[in-house]
Amino acid sequence: MSADHLLLGAQGGGVAYVTGHRHPDTDSIVSAIAYAHLRQKQGANIVPCALGKPTPETAYLLKKFDQRSPLLITDARTQIDETDLDDSNGIGPDTLLKEVIERMPSAKQKVFTVQDQRHHLLGLITNSSLDRVLLQDNDLAKALLARTPIENIATALDGQLLYAPEETSHNGDVSIVALSVNNLKFYELEGRIVVLGNDTEAQLEAIRKHAAALVLVWTKEVAPMVLAEAKQQGCALILSGHGAMKTSHLIYQAIPVSYVMEKDMVSFNRAEFVDDVQKQMLQTRHRAYPVVDESNRVLGLTSRYRVLNAQKRRFILVDHNEAKQSVPNIDRAEVVEIIDHHRVGDMTSDNPIYVRNEPVGATATIISDMFLEQNVEPDKEIAGLLLSAIIADTLNFKSPTTSPKDIRIAQHWAEFTGLDMAELASEIFAASSQELLQDLNRLLVNDLKEYQVGDHKILISQHTMYRLNEANAISDQVEEKLREGAGREGAYIWAMMFTSARDSGSIFYAAGEGSAAIEAIFPNKPGEKHTFHEGVVSRKNQVIPKLLQYLREGLA
């Protein structure tokens, strides 16, 4: 294997997901875990995945060798949280508009998310939000300012709150008397915020005319008599940190963002797929959109640019190479490697990729060989899993797919781990049957392959057990479930083969319009319904080729 191949998983987008086929068996899941283990030891960022729950057999082995189940993945498309997100520009609901305006020029996205203390999304502040209040709608600005605490105004003015009554009530109107050449006799000041200069008499007159608050500019102090009068009349006093013009602008920037924020907004859950997000963005014109988790906590902002430049998910396929057996929507992802031991299927790629396909009994054998070739020593638990997968997929070396390499590598891992292969085989096949035989619906789909012959759907299930006694005991139930399943799935044939690891052979069940093909290929002996076919253990090599050829000739 080349050095470029070894680094592939750490380049061109970072993480790559390695996964086996749908309805995963032990070889599929173990190959994903083991290959991720190999590549992680070589410095790559590889995540083992599965396309379904582990079988009882696999679950038993994962527990035996102290390994967690791989990440369950149901779609190959990129999720929005896998893309680059911009800073959320998070602010609290009590943040003043002034702070937003000051931060706006340096913010990458001109959108601010209003969040509570636990970062839950409450609303959005945008340029449009600010313009609507500060530039477009004077009546709205007055109404919102009337609700704004006097303390906010002092803060916005970088000023000093000299006095505030217990209950300050102002009507949102602002009178800038400091710029007027007239005296106060022409002003109606009751309930207003009045901006005044360093004129004690004017200050006293404004208070007596029942101004709600005085904002004093061009002065650093206030006369004691003014403070006393303000307290008597219940008029707030603020020393502004700015001149009259700037003060008049900043007063309205004291409004808290919770009064202005947009609550009816478009946001995306982090698990949404990028192509779905793109479609929703086409229906709106927002600059940026919040991305939240399942608890509505803000993770960041996304945009059309981010979504259009999102990288596809990168996949390494093990133990399969056909799209219909792979992750749903695999055509919308990037396949970067394939490691398999089945016939070549229909998988395609936009770029040249690494493919390793060998005629051996298990993909775990190929993964094992890669450890040995690269002189990488696996953890003993991983070696135990690899040995188990080889035993399971070769039916303890009785399958016709078994190769000398399977046997040689299995012996190597047995010596490395100190495991007894005969005892391990007995454990594996016992674990595979106990639970599944009690759940026929799950049994039929647990290891299921789908094929297409013309317009006909062919389904073939296989279950390997140590001996067939238990399968024979539920014969009627299996036939009934197959008939129901074939009708429900529109299958021309749904065949089920029970395979004995101890006796190295299989029995067959079939339903559907074309089910007679199974008995034609694997006939029953006179007087028997499900004859044991000695030596027939490989669905891939001994069943599928014969069945597909028979059907193609018969349907031609």
Protein backbone atom coordinates (compact mmCIF):
# COMPACT_ATOMS: atom_id res chain seq x y z
CA MET A 1 0.00 0.00 0.00
CA SER A 2 1.44 3.38 -0.93
CA ALA A 3 2.14 6.22 1.46
CA ASP A 4 -0.40 8.36 -0.41
CA HIS A 5 -3.07 5.75 0.27
CA LEU A 6 -2.24 5.65 3.96
CA LEU A 7 -2.75 9.40 4.30
CA LEU A 8 -5.90 9.55 2.22
CA GLY A 9 -8.23 9.59 5.22
CA ALA A 10 -6.44 12.57 6.74
CA GLN A 11 -6.62 14.76 3.65
CA GLY A 12 -9.25 16.33 1.42
CA GLY A 13 -11.87 16.95 4.09
CA GLY A 14 -10.50 15.18 7.16
CA VAL A 15 -12.82 12.48 8.40
CA ALA A 16 -13.80 9.43 6.35
CA TYR A 17 -16.46 6.91 7.32
CA VAL A 18 -15.82 3.19 6.85
CA THR A 19 -18.89 1.00 6.65
CA GLY A 20 -20.06 -2.43 5.62
CA HIS A 21 -23.31 -3.31 3.86
CA ARG A 22 -26.95 -3.05 4.86
CA HIS A 23 -28.25 -5.72 7.24
CA PRO A 24 -24.68 -6.12 8.50
CA ASP A 25 -23.23 -9.44 9.54
CA THR A 26 -20.18 -10.02 11.70
CA ASP A 27 -17.68 -9.75 8.85
CA SER A 28 -19.19 -6.43 7.75
CA ILE A 29 -19.08 -4.76 11.17
CA VAL A 30 -15.75 -6.24 12.25
CA SER A 31 -14.11 -5.20 8.97
CA ALA A 32 -15.27 -1.61 9.52
CA ILE A 33 -14.00 -1.56 13.10
CA ALA A 34 -10.70 -3.24 12.27
CA TYR A 35 -9.94 -1.13 9.21
CA ALA A 36 -10.66 2.07 11.15
CA HIS A 37 -8.31 0.74 13.86
CA LEU A 38 -5.56 0.15 11.31
CA ARG A 39 -5.89 3.56 9.72
CA GLN A 40 -6.15 5.35 13.07
CA LYS A 41 -2.84 3.78 14.07
CA GLN A 42 -1.44 5.29 10.87
CA GLY A 43 -2.70 8.76 11.77
CA ALA A 44 -5.86 8.98 9.66
CA ASN A 45 -9.22 10.24 10.91
CA ILE A 46 -11.46 7.25 10.19
CA VAL A 47 -14.80 6.52 11.88
CA PRO A 48 -16.22 2.97 11.86
CA CYS A 49 -19.93 2.84 10.98
CA ALA A 50 -22.72 0.34 10.48
CA LEU A 51 -25.90 0.46 8.42
CA GLY A 52 -27.96 -1.46 10.95
CA LYS A 53 -27.94 -2.91 14.44
CA PRO A 54 -25.46 -5.70 15.14
CA THR A 55 -26.85 -9.22 15.02
CA PRO A 56 -26.93 -11.19 18.27
CA GLU A 57 -23.80 -12.98 17.06
CA THR A 58 -21.98 -9.72 16.40
CA ALA A 59 -23.24 -8.14 19.62
CA TYR A 60 -21.92 -11.13 21.55
CA LEU A 61 -18.49 -10.78 19.95
CA LEU A 62 -18.34 -7.02 20.50
CA LYS A 63 -19.06 -7.58 24.18
CA LYS A 64 -16.59 -10.47 24.40
CA PHE A 65 -13.80 -8.34 22.96
CA ASP A 66 -14.82 -5.13 24.76
CA GLN A 67 -15.65 -3.07 21.65
CA ARG A 68 -18.43 -0.54 21.20
CA SER A 69 -20.93 -0.84 18.37
CA PRO A 70 -19.98 1.36 15.41
CA LEU A 71 -21.76 4.62 14.70
CA LEU A 72 -25.15 3.91 13.12
CA ILE A 73 -25.44 5.83 9.86
CA THR A 74 -28.58 5.99 7.73
CA ASP A 75 -27.77 8.46 4.95
CA ALA A 76 -24.61 9.25 2.99
CA ARG A 77 -25.44 12.92 2.51
CA THR A 78 -23.56 15.65 4.34
CA GLN A 79 -25.29 17.15 7.36
CA ILE A 80 -25.17 20.87 8.01
CA ASP A 81 -23.05 20.45 11.18
CA GLU A 82 -20.33 18.84 9.04
CA THR A 83 -19.88 22.08 7.12
CA ASP A 84 -17.90 25.11 8.23
CA LEU A 85 -20.06 27.33 10.42
CA ASP A 86 -19.49 31.01 11.14
CA ASP A 87 -19.53 32.46 14.64
CA SER A 88 -23.05 32.81 15.98
CA ASN A 89 -22.46 36.44 17.10
CA GLY A 90 -24.33 35.51 20.22
CA ILE A 91 -25.86 38.23 22.38
CA GLY A 92 -28.21 38.17 25.34
CA PRO A 93 -31.78 39.52 25.19
CA ASP A 94 -30.81 42.50 27.38
CA THR A 95 -27.98 43.58 25.06
CA LEU A 96 -28.38 47.15 23.87
CA LEU A 97 -28.71 48.01 20.20
CA LYS A 98 -25.61 50.16 20.67
CA GLU A 99 -23.43 47.08 21.25
CA VAL A 100 -24.82 45.39 18.13
CA ILE A 101 -24.14 48.51 16.04
CA GLU A 102 -20.57 48.70 17.37
CA ARG A 103 -19.92 45.02 16.63
CA MET A 104 -21.65 44.94 13.26
CA PRO A 105 -18.71 46.22 11.10
CA SER A 106 -16.32 43.52 12.36
CA ALA A 107 -18.83 40.65 12.29
CA LYS A 108 -18.26 38.24 9.42
CA GLN A 109 -21.98 37.64 9.13
CA LYS A 110 -24.12 40.73 9.73
CA VAL A 111 -26.53 38.64 11.77
CA PHE A 112 -26.62 38.30 15.56
CA THR A 113 -28.32 35.44 17.39
CA VAL A 114 -30.15 36.38 20.55
CA GLN A 115 -29.63 33.61 23.11
CA ASP A 116 -30.60 32.92 26.69
CA GLN A 117 -28.05 31.97 29.33
CA ARG A 118 -28.06 28.34 28.13
CA HIS A 119 -27.52 29.42 24.51
CA HIS A 120 -31.04 28.58 23.37
CA LEU A 121 -32.07 30.55 20.30
CA LEU A 122 -34.56 33.35 21.04
CA GLY A 123 -34.36 35.51 17.93
CA LEU A 124 -32.23 37.33 15.37
CA ILE A 125 -30.92 40.86 14.95
CA THR A 126 -30.02 41.94 11.42
CA ASN A 127 -29.32 45.23 9.63
CA SER A 128 -32.98 45.21 8.66
CA SER A 129 -33.99 44.95 12.31
CA LEU A 130 -31.88 47.98 13.18
CA ASP A 131 -32.97 50.04 10.17
CA ARG A 132 -36.63 49.41 10.87
CA VAL A 133 -36.29 50.92 14.36
CA LEU A 134 -33.59 53.55 13.96
CA LEU A 135 -34.18 54.84 10.43
CA GLN A 136 -37.59 53.89 9.08
CA ASP A 137 -40.28 53.89 11.76
CA ASN A 138 -40.11 56.80 14.19
CA ASP A 139 -43.36 55.83 15.92
CA LEU A 140 -42.01 52.32 16.52
CA ALA A 141 -38.75 53.73 17.92
CA LYS A 142 -40.67 55.97 20.33
CA ALA A 143 -42.88 53.10 21.47
CA LEU A 144 -39.87 50.86 22.11
CA LEU A 145 -37.90 53.61 23.85
CA ALA A 146 -40.87 54.21 26.15
CA ARG A 147 -40.42 50.65 27.43
CA THR A 148 -36.66 50.99 27.81
CA PRO A 149 -35.29 51.23 31.40
CA ILE A 150 -33.58 54.52 32.27
CA GLU A 151 -30.50 52.53 33.24
CA ASN A 152 -30.15 51.39 29.63
CA ILE A 153 -30.13 54.99 28.46
CA ALA A 154 -27.32 55.92 30.86
CA THR A 155 -25.31 52.92 29.66
CA ALA A 156 -25.84 53.74 25.98
CA LEU A 157 -24.67 57.30 26.57
CA ASP A 158 -21.54 56.14 28.37
CA GLY A 159 -22.95 58.37 31.05
CA GLN A 160 -23.59 58.56 34.76
CA LEU A 161 -27.00 57.97 36.27
CA LEU A 162 -27.17 60.59 39.04
CA TYR A 163 -30.70 59.79 40.11
CA ALA A 164 -33.47 57.45 39.13
CA PRO A 165 -36.81 57.25 40.95
CA GLU A 166 -38.08 53.84 41.99
CA GLU A 167 -40.47 53.91 39.03
CA THR A 168 -39.35 55.85 35.99
CA SER A 169 -41.97 56.36 33.31
CA HIS A 170 -41.24 58.24 30.10
CA ASN A 171 -43.25 58.36 26.90
CA GLY A 172 -40.41 57.77 24.41
CA ASP A 173 -40.41 61.34 23.07
CA VAL A 174 -37.05 63.12 23.11
CA SER A 175 -36.69 66.91 23.18
CA ILE A 176 -33.22 68.29 22.38
CA VAL A 177 -33.43 71.67 24.07
CA ALA A 178 -29.65 72.02 24.23
CA LEU A 179 -29.60 72.93 20.55
CA SER A 180 -32.51 75.37 20.73
CA VAL A 181 -32.15 79.18 20.78
CA ASN A 182 -35.56 79.47 22.41
CA ASN A 183 -36.30 79.12 26.10
CA LEU A 184 -38.45 76.34 27.49
CA LYS A 185 -41.74 78.20 27.45
CA PHE A 186 -42.48 76.85 23.96
CA TYR A 187 -41.90 73.22 24.91
CA GLU A 188 -44.36 70.64 26.18
CA LEU A 189 -42.01 68.46 28.27
CA GLU A 190 -44.29 66.32 30.41
CA GLY A 191 -43.22 62.65 30.31
CA ARG A 192 -40.38 63.38 27.86
CA ILE A 193 -36.66 62.72 27.86
CA VAL A 194 -35.10 66.19 27.67
CA VAL A 195 -31.54 66.83 26.47
CA LEU A 196 -30.19 69.99 28.10
CA GLY A 197 -26.87 71.80 28.41
CA ASN A 198 -25.10 73.36 31.42
CA ASP A 199 -27.92 75.72 32.32
CA THR A 200 -29.16 75.37 35.88
CA GLU A 201 -32.27 77.51 35.41
CA ALA A 202 -33.30 75.61 32.31
CA GLN A 203 -32.74 72.32 34.11
CA LEU A 204 -34.95 73.41 37.01
CA GLU A 205 -37.67 74.63 34.65
CA ALA A 206 -37.67 71.34 32.70
CA ILE A 207 -38.07 69.39 35.92
CA ARG A 208 -40.94 71.62 37.02
CA LYS A 209 -42.60 71.07 33.65
CA HIS A 210 -42.70 67.38 34.59
CA ALA A 211 -39.98 66.03 32.30
CA ALA A 212 -39.50 62.32 32.96
CA ALA A 213 -35.72 62.43 32.57
CA LEU A 214 -33.03 65.04 32.00
CA VAL A 215 -29.98 64.10 29.95
CA LEU A 216 -27.31 66.73 30.54
CA VAL A 217 -24.58 67.41 27.96
CA TRP A 218 -21.48 69.61 28.01
CA THR A 219 -21.27 69.37 31.80
CA LYS A 220 -19.60 67.14 34.35
CA GLU A 221 -21.69 68.09 37.38
CA VAL A 222 -25.13 69.21 38.41
CA ALA A 223 -26.10 71.85 40.93
CA PRO A 224 -27.36 70.47 44.29
CA MET A 225 -30.64 72.36 43.87
CA VAL A 226 -31.24 70.60 40.54
CA LEU A 227 -30.64 67.19 42.11
CA ALA A 228 -32.95 68.06 45.01
CA GLU A 229 -35.69 69.25 42.64
CA ALA A 230 -35.32 66.14 40.50
CA LYS A 231 -35.79 63.91 43.55
CA GLN A 232 -38.80 65.87 44.66
CA GLN A 233 -40.46 65.71 41.23
CA GLY A 234 -39.36 62.11 40.42
CA CYS A 235 -37.29 63.12 37.39
CA ALA A 236 -34.31 60.97 36.41
CA LEU A 237 -30.94 62.68 35.93
CA ILE A 238 -28.21 61.46 33.58
CA LEU A 239 -24.86 63.02 32.78
CA SER A 240 -24.10 62.10 29.16
CA GLY A 241 -20.62 61.19 28.04
CA HIS A 242 -21.18 62.85 24.66
CA GLY A 243 -22.32 66.09 23.03
CA ALA A 244 -25.90 66.93 22.14
CA MET A 245 -25.97 65.50 18.59
CA LYS A 246 -24.38 62.17 19.43
CA THR A 247 -26.45 61.90 22.58
CA SER A 248 -29.64 62.32 20.58
CA HIS A 249 -28.62 59.39 18.34
CA LEU A 250 -27.40 57.13 21.14
CA ILE A 251 -30.57 57.46 23.21
CA TYR A 252 -32.49 55.22 20.77
CA GLN A 253 -29.63 52.73 20.78
CA ALA A 254 -30.47 52.06 24.44
CA ILE A 255 -33.37 49.84 23.33
CA PRO A 256 -32.68 46.18 24.29
CA VAL A 257 -32.48 43.69 21.43
CA SER A 258 -35.31 41.60 22.89
CA TYR A 259 -37.70 44.43 21.83
CA VAL A 260 -36.45 44.39 18.26
CA MET A 261 -35.36 40.82 17.47
CA GLU A 262 -37.02 38.77 14.74
CA LYS A 263 -38.76 35.78 16.28
CA ASP A 264 -40.26 34.38 13.09
CA MET A 265 -36.99 33.15 11.60
CA VAL A 266 -35.56 30.31 9.54
CA SER A 267 -33.11 28.10 11.40
CA PHE A 268 -31.69 24.66 10.69
CA ASN A 269 -31.13 21.65 12.88
CA ARG A 270 -27.58 20.40 12.78
CA ALA A 271 -28.73 16.99 11.50
CA GLU A 272 -30.45 18.39 8.38
CA PHE A 273 -28.87 17.46 5.09
CA VAL A 274 -27.10 20.08 3.03
CA ASP A 275 -29.16 19.54 -0.12
CA ASP A 276 -32.40 19.94 1.88
CA VAL A 277 -31.03 23.14 3.40
CA GLN A 278 -30.16 24.44 -0.07
CA LYS A 279 -33.77 24.00 -1.19
CA GLN A 280 -35.07 25.95 1.82
CA MET A 281 -32.54 28.74 1.26
CA LEU A 282 -33.83 29.21 -2.29
CA GLN A 283 -37.18 30.26 -0.81
CA THR A 284 -35.69 33.00 1.41
CA ARG A 285 -33.30 35.93 1.10
CA HIS A 286 -31.55 35.96 4.46
CA ARG A 287 -27.85 36.71 4.76
CA ALA A 288 -27.22 33.95 7.30
CA TYR A 289 -29.17 31.28 9.19
CA PRO A 290 -28.73 29.90 12.72
CA VAL A 291 -27.81 26.24 13.14
CA VAL A 292 -29.10 24.66 16.34
CA ASP A 293 -28.94 21.31 18.07
CA GLU A 294 -31.85 19.13 19.20
CA SER A 295 -32.32 21.35 22.28
CA ASN A 296 -32.41 24.55 20.21
CA ARG A 297 -28.93 25.55 21.40
CA VAL A 298 -27.07 27.69 18.89
CA LEU A 299 -24.03 26.12 17.23
CA GLY A 300 -23.23 28.81 14.68
CA LEU A 301 -24.39 30.49 11.50
CA THR A 302 -24.51 29.10 8.00
CA SER A 303 -25.01 30.82 4.67
CA ARG A 304 -25.50 30.11 0.98
CA TYR A 305 -21.74 30.28 0.49
CA ARG A 306 -21.10 27.70 3.22
CA VAL A 307 -23.74 25.35 1.90
CA LEU A 308 -22.73 25.64 -1.75
CA ASN A 309 -19.12 24.90 -0.82
CA ALA A 310 -19.91 22.00 1.53
CA GLN A 311 -17.70 18.96 1.09
CA LYS A 312 -19.33 15.62 0.37
CA ARG A 313 -19.07 12.93 3.00
CA ARG A 314 -16.22 10.54 2.27
CA PHE A 315 -16.78 6.79 2.54
CA ILE A 316 -14.65 3.67 2.60
CA LEU A 317 -16.75 0.64 1.69
CA VAL A 318 -15.89 -2.76 3.13
CA ASP A 319 -17.53 -6.13 2.45
CA HIS A 320 -19.62 -4.76 -0.42
CA ASN A 321 -19.31 -2.74 -3.62
CA GLU A 322 -22.89 -2.30 -4.86
CA ALA A 323 -24.93 0.86 -4.39
CA LYS A 324 -28.11 -0.96 -3.36
CA GLN A 325 -26.24 -2.66 -0.52
CA SER A 326 -24.54 0.54 0.61
CA VAL A 327 -25.52 3.66 2.49
CA PRO A 328 -28.69 5.28 1.15
CA ASN A 329 -27.80 8.16 -1.18
CA ILE A 330 -24.22 6.93 -1.58
CA ASP A 331 -24.30 8.56 -5.03
CA ARG A 332 -24.33 11.95 -3.27
CA ALA A 333 -21.16 11.14 -1.34
CA GLU A 334 -17.56 10.48 -2.33
CA VAL A 335 -16.38 6.87 -2.23
CA VAL A 336 -12.61 6.92 -1.65
CA GLU A 337 -11.83 3.21 -1.11
CA ILE A 338 -13.40 -0.21 -1.54
CA ILE A 339 -12.18 -3.38 0.19
CA ASP A 340 -14.26 -6.45 -0.58
CA HIS A 341 -14.37 -10.16 -1.38
CA HIS A 342 -17.57 -10.26 -3.46
CA ARG A 343 -18.19 -10.02 -7.18
CA VAL A 344 -17.67 -6.60 -8.71
CA GLY A 345 -20.90 -4.61 -8.60
CA ASP A 346 -22.10 -1.27 -9.92
CA MET A 347 -20.26 1.20 -7.73
CA THR A 348 -18.77 4.16 -9.63
CA SER A 349 -16.62 7.13 -8.65
CA ASP A 350 -15.78 10.55 -10.06
CA ASN A 351 -12.07 10.11 -9.31
CA PRO A 352 -9.65 7.17 -9.26
CA ILE A 353 -9.90 5.33 -5.94
CA TYR A 354 -8.13 2.56 -4.08
CA VAL A 355 -9.88 -0.79 -4.65
CA ARG A 356 -8.84 -4.11 -3.16
CA ASN A 357 -10.94 -7.14 -4.04
CA GLU A 358 -9.73 -10.66 -3.34
CA PRO A 359 -11.38 -14.10 -3.74
CA VAL A 360 -11.15 -15.05 -0.07
CA GLY A 361 -13.73 -16.19 2.46
CA ALA A 362 -14.01 -12.97 4.47
CA THR A 363 -13.25 -9.29 4.14
CA ALA A 364 -11.69 -9.62 7.59
CA THR A 365 -9.00 -11.74 5.95
CA ILE A 366 -8.08 -8.88 3.61
CA ILE A 367 -8.04 -6.36 6.47
CA SER A 368 -5.86 -8.76 8.47
CA ASP A 369 -3.44 -9.04 5.58
CA MET A 370 -3.16 -5.26 5.45
CA PHE A 371 -2.12 -5.19 9.12
CA LEU A 372 0.59 -7.74 8.33
CA GLU A 373 1.74 -6.02 5.14
CA GLN A 374 2.11 -2.71 6.90
CA ASN A 375 3.73 -4.25 9.98
CA VAL A 376 1.04 -2.73 12.24
CA GLU A 377 0.18 -4.74 15.32
CA PRO A 378 -3.51 -4.52 16.27
CA ASP A 379 -4.80 -4.54 19.82
CA LYS A 380 -5.48 -8.11 20.92
CA GLU A 381 -9.20 -7.38 21.10
CA ILE A 382 -9.23 -6.32 17.44
CA ALA A 383 -7.23 -9.43 16.49
CA GLY A 384 -9.82 -11.53 18.34
CA LEU A 385 -12.62 -9.86 16.38
CA LEU A 386 -10.81 -10.44 13.08
CA LEU A 387 -10.36 -14.12 13.91
CA SER A 388 -14.05 -14.38 14.84
CA ALA A 389 -15.19 -12.72 11.61
CA ILE A 390 -13.09 -15.09 9.50
CA ILE A 391 -14.55 -18.09 11.33
CA ALA A 392 -18.10 -16.73 10.99
CA ASP A 393 -17.92 -15.85 7.30
CA THR A 394 -16.18 -19.08 6.26
CA LEU A 395 -18.47 -21.22 8.46
CA ASN A 396 -15.43 -22.36 10.40
CA PHE A 397 -13.54 -22.95 7.11
CA LYS A 398 -16.23 -25.26 5.67
CA SER A 399 -17.52 -22.78 3.11
CA PRO A 400 -16.34 -23.32 -0.48
CA THR A 401 -15.26 -19.68 -0.46
CA THR A 402 -12.57 -20.52 2.10
CA SER A 403 -9.06 -19.91 0.79
CA PRO A 404 -5.65 -20.97 2.12
CA LYS A 405 -5.12 -17.33 3.12
CA ASP A 406 -8.20 -17.44 5.39
CA ILE A 407 -6.81 -20.46 7.22
CA ARG A 408 -3.28 -19.10 7.43
CA ILE A 409 -4.32 -15.71 8.81
CA ALA A 410 -6.83 -17.25 11.23
CA GLN A 411 -4.08 -19.45 12.64
CA HIS A 412 -1.85 -16.40 12.98
CA TRP A 413 -4.48 -14.53 15.01
CA ALA A 414 -5.20 -17.62 17.12
CA GLU A 415 -1.53 -17.78 18.09
CA PHE A 416 -1.38 -14.02 18.63
CA THR A 417 -4.44 -13.97 20.93
CA GLY A 418 -4.16 -17.41 22.51
CA LEU A 419 -7.74 -18.24 21.48
CA ASP A 420 -8.91 -21.78 20.71
CA MET A 421 -10.56 -21.67 17.27
CA ALA A 422 -12.85 -24.66 17.86
CA GLU A 423 -14.20 -23.23 21.10
CA LEU A 424 -14.59 -19.79 19.53
CA ALA A 425 -16.52 -21.25 16.58
CA SER A 426 -18.90 -23.03 18.93
CA GLU A 427 -19.54 -19.78 20.83
CA ILE A 428 -20.12 -17.80 17.63
CA PHE A 429 -22.73 -20.10 16.11
CA ALA A 430 -24.53 -20.60 19.39
CA ALA A 431 -24.81 -16.84 19.84
CA SER A 432 -26.13 -16.41 16.30
CA SER A 433 -29.28 -18.45 16.86
CA GLN A 434 -30.58 -18.01 20.37
CA GLU A 435 -32.30 -14.63 20.06
CA LEU A 436 -33.05 -14.46 16.34
CA LEU A 437 -35.07 -17.67 16.25
CA GLN A 438 -37.50 -16.00 18.64
CA ASP A 439 -38.02 -13.06 16.25
CA LEU A 440 -38.74 -14.31 12.74
CA ASN A 441 -39.40 -10.86 11.28
CA ARG A 442 -35.91 -9.77 12.25
CA LEU A 443 -34.42 -13.11 11.27
CA LEU A 444 -35.59 -12.75 7.67
CA VAL A 445 -34.00 -9.31 7.18
CA ASN A 446 -30.96 -9.78 9.39
CA ASP A 447 -28.70 -10.99 6.57
CA LEU A 448 -30.60 -10.12 3.42
CA LYS A 449 -29.31 -9.56 -0.11
CA GLU A 450 -31.37 -8.04 -2.93
CA TYR A 451 -30.90 -8.72 -6.65
CA GLN A 452 -32.70 -7.64 -9.79
CA VAL A 453 -33.40 -9.85 -12.79
CA GLY A 454 -35.19 -7.80 -15.41
CA ASP A 455 -38.20 -6.33 -13.63
CA HIS A 456 -38.13 -8.96 -10.89
CA LYS A 457 -36.91 -8.35 -7.35
CA ILE A 458 -35.08 -11.30 -5.80
CA LEU A 459 -34.46 -11.43 -2.04
CA ILE A 460 -32.21 -14.04 -0.45
CA SER A 461 -31.74 -14.32 3.31
CA GLN A 462 -29.28 -16.55 5.11
CA HIS A 463 -28.92 -17.55 8.74
CA THR A 464 -26.02 -19.63 9.95
CA MET A 465 -26.43 -21.74 13.08
CA TYR A 466 -24.50 -24.55 14.68
CA ARG A 467 -27.12 -27.19 13.85
CA LEU A 468 -30.57 -27.04 12.24
CA ASN A 469 -32.80 -28.59 14.90
CA GLU A 470 -34.28 -25.25 15.95
CA ALA A 471 -34.91 -24.16 12.37
CA ASN A 472 -36.80 -27.37 11.62
CA ALA A 473 -39.00 -26.76 14.66
CA ILE A 474 -40.29 -23.44 13.29
CA SER A 475 -40.77 -24.55 9.68
CA ASP A 476 -44.44 -23.53 9.38
CA GLN A 477 -43.81 -20.08 10.87
CA VAL A 478 -40.91 -19.45 8.45
CA GLU A 479 -43.07 -20.33 5.44
CA GLU A 480 -45.86 -18.03 6.61
CA LYS A 481 -43.54 -15.09 7.24
CA LEU A 482 -41.88 -15.54 3.85
CA ARG A 483 -45.26 -15.47 2.08
CA GLU A 484 -46.25 -12.30 3.93
CA GLY A 485 -42.89 -10.68 3.26
CA ALA A 486 -42.81 -11.52 -0.45
CA GLY A 487 -46.27 -10.03 -0.92
CA ARG A 488 -45.44 -6.91 1.07
CA GLU A 489 -42.12 -6.28 -0.72
CA GLY A 490 -43.36 -7.23 -4.19
CA ALA A 491 -40.63 -9.88 -4.43
CA TYR A 492 -40.70 -12.38 -7.27
CA ILE A 493 -38.74 -14.70 -4.98
CA TRP A 494 -37.88 -14.43 -1.32
CA ALA A 495 -35.67 -17.36 -0.36
CA MET A 496 -34.34 -18.22 3.09
CA MET A 497 -31.43 -20.58 3.61
CA PHE A 498 -30.58 -21.98 7.03
CA THR A 499 -26.97 -23.12 7.09
CA SER A 500 -25.44 -25.55 9.59
CA ALA A 501 -21.85 -24.78 10.55
CA ARG A 502 -21.49 -28.17 12.24
CA ASP A 503 -22.85 -30.26 9.38
CA SER A 504 -21.70 -28.01 6.53
CA GLY A 505 -24.93 -27.73 4.53
CA SER A 506 -28.22 -25.83 4.15
CA ILE A 507 -31.98 -26.16 3.89
CA PHE A 508 -34.11 -23.80 1.78
CA TYR A 509 -37.46 -22.04 2.08
CA ALA A 510 -38.98 -19.86 -0.62
CA ALA A 511 -42.09 -17.79 -1.37
CA GLY A 512 -43.28 -15.60 -4.21
CA GLU A 513 -44.42 -16.15 -7.76
CA GLY A 514 -41.07 -17.54 -8.87
CA SER A 515 -40.32 -19.59 -5.74
CA ALA A 516 -40.37 -22.87 -7.71
CA ALA A 517 -36.95 -21.88 -9.07
CA ILE A 518 -35.37 -22.64 -5.68
CA GLU A 519 -36.67 -26.20 -5.61
CA ALA A 520 -35.65 -26.65 -9.24
CA ILE A 521 -32.05 -25.76 -8.37
CA PHE A 522 -31.99 -27.42 -4.95
CA PRO A 523 -34.61 -30.17 -5.25
CA ASN A 524 -36.21 -31.90 -2.32
CA LYS A 525 -35.91 -35.64 -1.94
CA PRO A 526 -39.16 -37.63 -2.35
CA GLY A 527 -41.35 -37.15 0.70
CA GLU A 528 -39.29 -34.23 2.09
CA LYS A 529 -40.17 -30.55 2.12
CA HIS A 530 -36.82 -28.98 3.03
CA THR A 531 -34.05 -31.37 2.11
CA PHE A 532 -30.63 -30.84 3.64
CA HIS A 533 -28.12 -30.04 0.88
CA GLU A 534 -24.73 -31.12 2.11
CA GLY A 535 -21.84 -28.87 1.14
CA VAL A 536 -24.08 -25.95 0.11
CA VAL A 537 -23.10 -23.17 2.50
CA SER A 538 -22.18 -20.18 0.37
CA ARG A 539 -24.98 -17.93 -0.81
CA LYS A 540 -22.48 -15.91 -2.84
CA ASN A 541 -20.76 -18.79 -4.67
CA GLN A 542 -23.22 -21.66 -4.65
CA VAL A 543 -26.72 -20.16 -4.66
CA ILE A 544 -26.81 -16.77 -6.32
CA PRO A 545 -24.92 -17.66 -9.54
CA LYS A 546 -27.12 -20.70 -10.19
CA LEU A 547 -30.34 -18.89 -9.35
CA LEU A 548 -29.59 -15.81 -11.45
CA GLN A 549 -28.58 -17.94 -14.44
CA TYR A 550 -31.70 -20.10 -14.09
CA LEU A 551 -33.96 -17.05 -13.93
CA ARG A 552 -32.29 -15.22 -16.82
CA GLU A 553 -32.65 -18.25 -19.04
CA GLY A 554 -36.23 -18.84 -17.93
CA LEU A 555 -37.30 -15.21 -18.25
CA ALA A 556 -35.48 -14.53 -21.52
